[in-house]
Amino acid sequence: MNKYSKIKTFAKVCCLMLISINANAKISQPYFTSKNLSFEIIDKPLDRKSQEYKNEISQIIALQSNPDIAELELAFQEKNFTALTLMKRANIKANPKTHPQLFALLNRVTDTSISVTDDFKNYWQTKRPYLSDKRIKKLIASSKGYAYPSGHTSGSFIFAHVLGMIYPKKYSKLLEIAQEIADHRILVGMHFPHDIVGGKKLALVVVGGLIQNKEFENDLLVAKKELKKNFIN
C-alpha cells in the first residue's frame, strides 16, 4: 500500500468514527426558539439614570452588608443549577435511570429555556450589578453573559411550572424554591431586582409557548404515564 492509499484509508476510518460519534451524541433540540417572539414582550430594563435603578443599587449594598452564611452557601450550590436542584429540595424522588421519559422532557425544556433566555440577554445587553457599581461585591464566581433577564430566575421558574404539571402537590414548594434561587442571585451581586422580575415574566412566556407546543404536550403525557406506572410498581 503506497503512502497515498494509507492516507485515504485513514481518512475513511476517521470519517466513519465521526459518523458513529455524531449518531450517538445528544442533540440539543429546544421545543421552540425566540424566532417568533418579540424581545419587548417583557418590560425594558431600568434606565441606569433613573431613581429606581439607584434604589436597587442601594438595596443590593444593604443586603450584602450583613449576608446570611446559609443563604450564601445555597447560592454557591445553585451556581450551576438544573431541574434536579429543585427536585431534590422539593423531595421529588426521581432520576434519569428511574424516570427516563421525565428527564428527556426536562432536557428539552432546559434547551428551550437557555436558548430563549440567552437571546433575550443578548438583545438587552445589560451589565451585572458588581460590574455596574464598585460598592457591590461579587460574592460568588461570576456568570457569563448579560444580566437582564436573569437566567437563573427564568430557568428555575420554568422548571417549577413544568414540574408542577407533573407533581401538582409539589407546585407551591417548587415555586418557593424558584423564588429563593432568584433572590440569592441578588444577594451575591449577579442580578438587580428588576432582572428577577424580567426573568419571572420570561418564564411565563416560555411556559405559555410550551403548553401550546404539540411535542411538549406529547412528552408531558408520556412523562405523566411513566410516573403513574412507577407509582403502581
Protein backbone atom coordinates (compact mmCIF):
# COMPACT_ATOMS: atom_id res chain seq x y z
CA MET A 1 0.00 0.00 0.00
CA ASN A 2 1.53 3.34 -1.05
CA LYS A 3 1.58 6.49 1.08
CA TYR A 4 -1.48 7.99 -0.67
CA SER A 5 -3.55 4.81 -0.15
CA LYS A 6 -2.68 4.75 3.56
CA ILE A 7 -3.78 8.38 4.00
CA LYS A 8 -7.01 7.69 2.11
CA THR A 9 -7.76 4.63 4.26
CA PHE A 10 -7.03 6.58 7.45
CA ALA A 11 -9.36 9.38 6.32
CA LYS A 12 -12.18 6.88 5.69
CA VAL A 13 -11.74 5.37 9.17
CA CYS A 14 -11.83 8.84 10.78
CA CYS A 15 -14.95 9.70 8.80
CA LEU A 16 -16.71 6.52 9.98
CA MET A 17 -15.70 7.26 13.59
CA LEU A 18 -17.13 10.77 13.37
CA ILE A 19 -20.38 9.45 11.91
CA SER A 20 -20.63 6.93 14.76
CA ILE A 21 -19.90 9.57 17.41
CA ASN A 22 -22.41 12.03 15.96
CA ALA A 23 -25.07 9.34 15.74
CA ASN A 24 -24.76 8.67 19.48
CA ALA A 25 -24.33 12.28 20.59
CA LYS A 26 -27.15 14.12 22.34
CA ILE A 27 -28.58 16.72 20.02
CA SER A 28 -29.78 19.91 21.64
CA GLN A 29 -33.36 20.29 20.49
CA PRO A 30 -35.42 23.03 22.11
CA TYR A 31 -39.18 22.84 21.70
CA PHE A 32 -39.03 26.31 20.15
CA THR A 33 -36.70 29.31 19.92
CA SER A 34 -37.12 33.07 20.25
CA LYS A 35 -37.56 33.38 16.47
CA ASN A 36 -41.23 34.35 16.66
CA LEU A 37 -41.04 36.21 19.98
CA SER A 38 -40.80 39.97 20.49
CA PHE A 39 -37.97 40.83 22.86
CA GLU A 40 -40.16 43.62 24.21
CA ILE A 41 -42.76 41.14 25.39
CA ILE A 42 -41.13 41.66 28.79
CA ASP A 43 -40.52 45.11 30.31
CA LYS A 44 -37.44 47.07 29.31
CA PRO A 45 -34.60 47.03 31.87
CA LEU A 46 -34.39 50.08 34.11
CA ASP A 47 -32.71 53.23 32.86
CA ARG A 48 -29.34 53.49 34.63
CA LYS A 49 -30.04 57.16 35.33
CA SER A 50 -33.41 56.52 36.97
CA GLN A 51 -34.02 56.79 40.69
CA GLU A 52 -35.45 53.27 40.71
CA TYR A 53 -32.16 51.95 39.36
CA LYS A 54 -30.25 53.81 42.07
CA ASN A 55 -32.63 52.42 44.67
CA GLU A 56 -31.87 48.90 43.50
CA ILE A 57 -28.14 49.59 43.83
CA SER A 58 -28.74 50.67 47.44
CA GLN A 59 -30.88 47.59 48.07
CA ILE A 60 -28.11 45.23 46.97
CA ILE A 61 -25.50 47.07 49.03
CA ALA A 62 -27.76 46.79 52.09
CA LEU A 63 -28.29 43.05 51.51
CA GLN A 64 -24.55 42.48 51.24
CA SER A 65 -23.73 44.45 54.39
CA ASN A 66 -24.72 41.51 56.60
CA PRO A 67 -25.19 38.40 54.44
CA ASP A 68 -26.61 35.18 55.85
CA ILE A 69 -23.95 32.45 55.56
CA ALA A 70 -26.55 29.74 54.99
CA GLU A 71 -28.06 31.72 52.10
CA LEU A 72 -24.62 32.25 50.59
CA GLU A 73 -23.96 28.51 50.79
CA LEU A 74 -27.21 27.82 48.94
CA ALA A 75 -26.31 30.44 46.32
CA PHE A 76 -22.99 28.65 45.81
CA GLN A 77 -24.77 25.30 45.39
CA GLU A 78 -27.21 26.86 42.91
CA LYS A 79 -24.48 28.31 40.69
CA ASN A 80 -24.90 25.56 38.08
CA PHE A 81 -28.45 24.58 38.93
CA THR A 82 -30.58 22.08 37.00
CA ALA A 83 -34.09 20.74 37.35
CA LEU A 84 -32.65 18.25 39.86
CA THR A 85 -31.71 21.16 42.12
CA LEU A 86 -35.39 22.00 42.59
CA MET A 87 -36.47 18.36 42.67
CA LYS A 88 -34.11 17.40 45.47
CA ARG A 89 -35.12 20.36 47.62
CA ALA A 90 -38.80 19.61 46.96
CA ASN A 91 -38.17 15.97 47.92
CA ILE A 92 -39.12 14.64 44.48
CA LYS A 93 -37.52 11.21 44.19
CA ALA A 94 -36.75 10.76 40.50
CA ASN A 95 -33.59 10.39 38.44
CA PRO A 96 -32.69 9.74 34.79
CA LYS A 97 -32.49 5.96 35.35
CA THR A 98 -35.87 5.53 37.05
CA HIS A 99 -37.67 8.23 35.03
CA PRO A 100 -36.01 8.46 31.59
CA GLN A 101 -39.06 10.00 29.89
CA LEU A 102 -39.34 12.71 32.52
CA PHE A 103 -35.69 13.66 32.12
CA ALA A 104 -35.91 13.56 28.33
CA LEU A 105 -38.69 16.14 28.71
CA LEU A 106 -36.66 18.20 31.19
CA ASN A 107 -33.61 18.14 28.90
CA ARG A 108 -35.62 19.70 26.07
CA VAL A 109 -37.19 22.19 28.47
CA THR A 110 -33.65 23.12 29.58
CA ASP A 111 -32.54 23.61 25.97
CA THR A 112 -35.58 25.79 25.34
CA SER A 113 -35.04 27.88 28.46
CA ILE A 114 -31.36 28.50 27.76
CA SER A 115 -31.88 29.27 24.07
CA VAL A 116 -34.67 31.78 24.62
CA THR A 117 -33.14 33.44 27.70
CA ASP A 118 -29.72 33.87 26.07
CA ASP A 119 -31.32 35.55 23.07
CA PHE A 120 -33.18 37.97 25.34
CA LYS A 121 -29.99 38.71 27.29
CA ASN A 122 -28.06 39.38 24.10
CA TYR A 123 -30.80 41.71 22.89
CA TRP A 124 -30.85 43.88 26.04
CA GLN A 125 -27.12 43.64 26.88
CA THR A 126 -27.15 45.00 30.44
CA LYS A 127 -24.32 44.84 32.95
CA ARG A 128 -24.41 42.82 36.13
CA PRO A 129 -24.58 44.77 39.43
CA TYR A 130 -21.00 44.06 40.53
CA LEU A 131 -19.80 45.47 37.19
CA SER A 132 -22.08 48.49 37.48
CA ASP A 133 -21.10 49.81 40.91
CA LYS A 134 -17.83 49.27 42.80
CA ARG A 135 -19.69 49.18 46.10
CA ILE A 136 -21.40 45.94 45.11
CA LYS A 137 -19.39 42.81 45.84
CA LYS A 138 -19.12 39.67 43.76
CA LEU A 139 -19.85 37.05 46.42
CA ILE A 140 -19.76 34.10 44.05
CA ALA A 141 -17.93 33.11 40.88
CA SER A 142 -19.19 35.34 38.11
CA SER A 143 -21.59 34.10 35.45
CA LYS A 144 -21.03 34.66 31.75
CA GLY A 145 -23.30 36.84 29.68
CA TYR A 146 -25.51 39.81 30.39
CA ALA A 147 -27.78 40.46 33.37
CA TYR A 148 -31.27 41.09 32.04
CA PRO A 149 -33.34 38.97 32.31
CA SER A 150 -32.00 36.64 35.00
CA GLY A 151 -31.38 33.18 33.56
CA HIS A 152 -31.40 31.53 36.98
CA THR A 153 -34.82 33.07 37.54
CA SER A 154 -36.35 32.20 34.18
CA GLY A 155 -34.92 28.69 34.32
CA SER A 156 -35.94 27.88 37.90
CA PHE A 157 -39.48 29.19 37.40
CA ILE A 158 -39.83 27.32 34.10
CA PHE A 159 -38.78 24.12 35.88
CA ALA A 160 -41.17 24.90 38.75
CA HIS A 161 -44.12 25.37 36.39
CA VAL A 162 -43.33 22.28 34.30
CA LEU A 163 -42.64 20.03 37.29
CA GLY A 164 -45.80 21.39 38.88
CA MET A 165 -47.76 19.97 35.93
CA ILE A 166 -46.40 16.52 36.80
CA TYR A 167 -46.25 16.85 40.58
CA PRO A 168 -49.19 19.20 41.37
CA LYS A 169 -48.90 18.62 45.14
CA LYS A 170 -45.33 19.97 44.99
CA TYR A 171 -46.18 23.03 42.88
CA SER A 172 -46.26 25.57 45.72
CA LYS A 173 -42.98 24.26 47.14
CA LEU A 174 -41.33 24.35 43.72
CA LEU A 175 -42.35 27.99 43.23
CA GLU A 176 -40.98 28.82 46.68
CA ILE A 177 -37.63 27.23 45.81
CA ALA A 178 -37.51 29.06 42.47
CA GLN A 179 -38.04 32.37 44.27
CA GLU A 180 -35.26 31.55 46.72
CA ILE A 181 -32.88 30.82 43.85
CA ALA A 182 -33.82 34.14 42.25
CA ASP A 183 -33.35 36.09 45.49
CA HIS A 184 -29.92 34.57 46.05
CA ARG A 185 -28.77 35.99 42.72
CA ILE A 186 -29.45 39.49 44.03
CA LEU A 187 -27.60 38.78 47.28
CA VAL A 188 -24.41 37.65 45.53
CA GLY A 189 -24.29 40.67 43.22
CA MET A 190 -25.14 38.85 39.99
CA HIS A 191 -28.54 40.47 39.40
CA PHE A 192 -30.65 43.53 40.05
CA PRO A 193 -34.18 43.06 41.42
CA HIS A 194 -35.60 44.09 38.03
CA ASP A 195 -33.55 41.28 36.41
CA ILE A 196 -35.53 38.89 38.59
CA VAL A 197 -38.85 40.45 37.57
CA GLY A 198 -37.85 40.13 33.91
CA GLY A 199 -36.82 36.51 34.42
CA LYS A 200 -40.16 35.61 36.01
CA LYS A 201 -42.09 37.24 33.18
CA LEU A 202 -39.97 35.47 30.58
CA ALA A 203 -40.63 32.17 32.36
CA LEU A 204 -44.36 32.72 31.89
CA VAL A 205 -43.79 33.48 28.20
CA VAL A 206 -41.78 30.28 27.74
CA VAL A 207 -44.26 28.14 29.67
CA GLY A 208 -47.06 29.63 27.57
CA GLY A 209 -45.19 28.58 24.46
CA LEU A 210 -44.57 25.10 25.85
CA ILE A 211 -48.20 24.33 26.62
CA GLN A 212 -49.10 25.28 23.04
CA ASN A 213 -46.39 23.04 21.60
CA LYS A 214 -47.63 19.60 20.46
CA GLU A 215 -44.28 17.89 21.03
CA PHE A 216 -44.15 19.18 24.59
CA GLU A 217 -47.76 18.14 25.14
CA ASN A 218 -46.96 14.60 23.97
CA ASP A 219 -43.75 14.37 26.03
CA LEU A 220 -45.61 15.66 29.10
CA LEU A 221 -48.27 12.98 28.70
CA VAL A 222 -45.61 10.27 28.37
CA ALA A 223 -43.82 11.57 31.49
CA LYS A 224 -47.07 11.50 33.46
CA LYS A 225 -47.77 7.92 32.36
CA GLU A 226 -44.24 6.93 33.37
CA LEU A 227 -44.76 8.45 36.81
CA LYS A 228 -48.07 6.63 37.25
CA LYS A 229 -46.50 3.34 36.17
CA ASN A 230 -43.60 3.75 38.62
CA PHE A 231 -46.04 4.63 41.40
CA ILE A 232 -48.10 1.49 40.77
CA ASN A 233 -44.99 -0.70 40.64
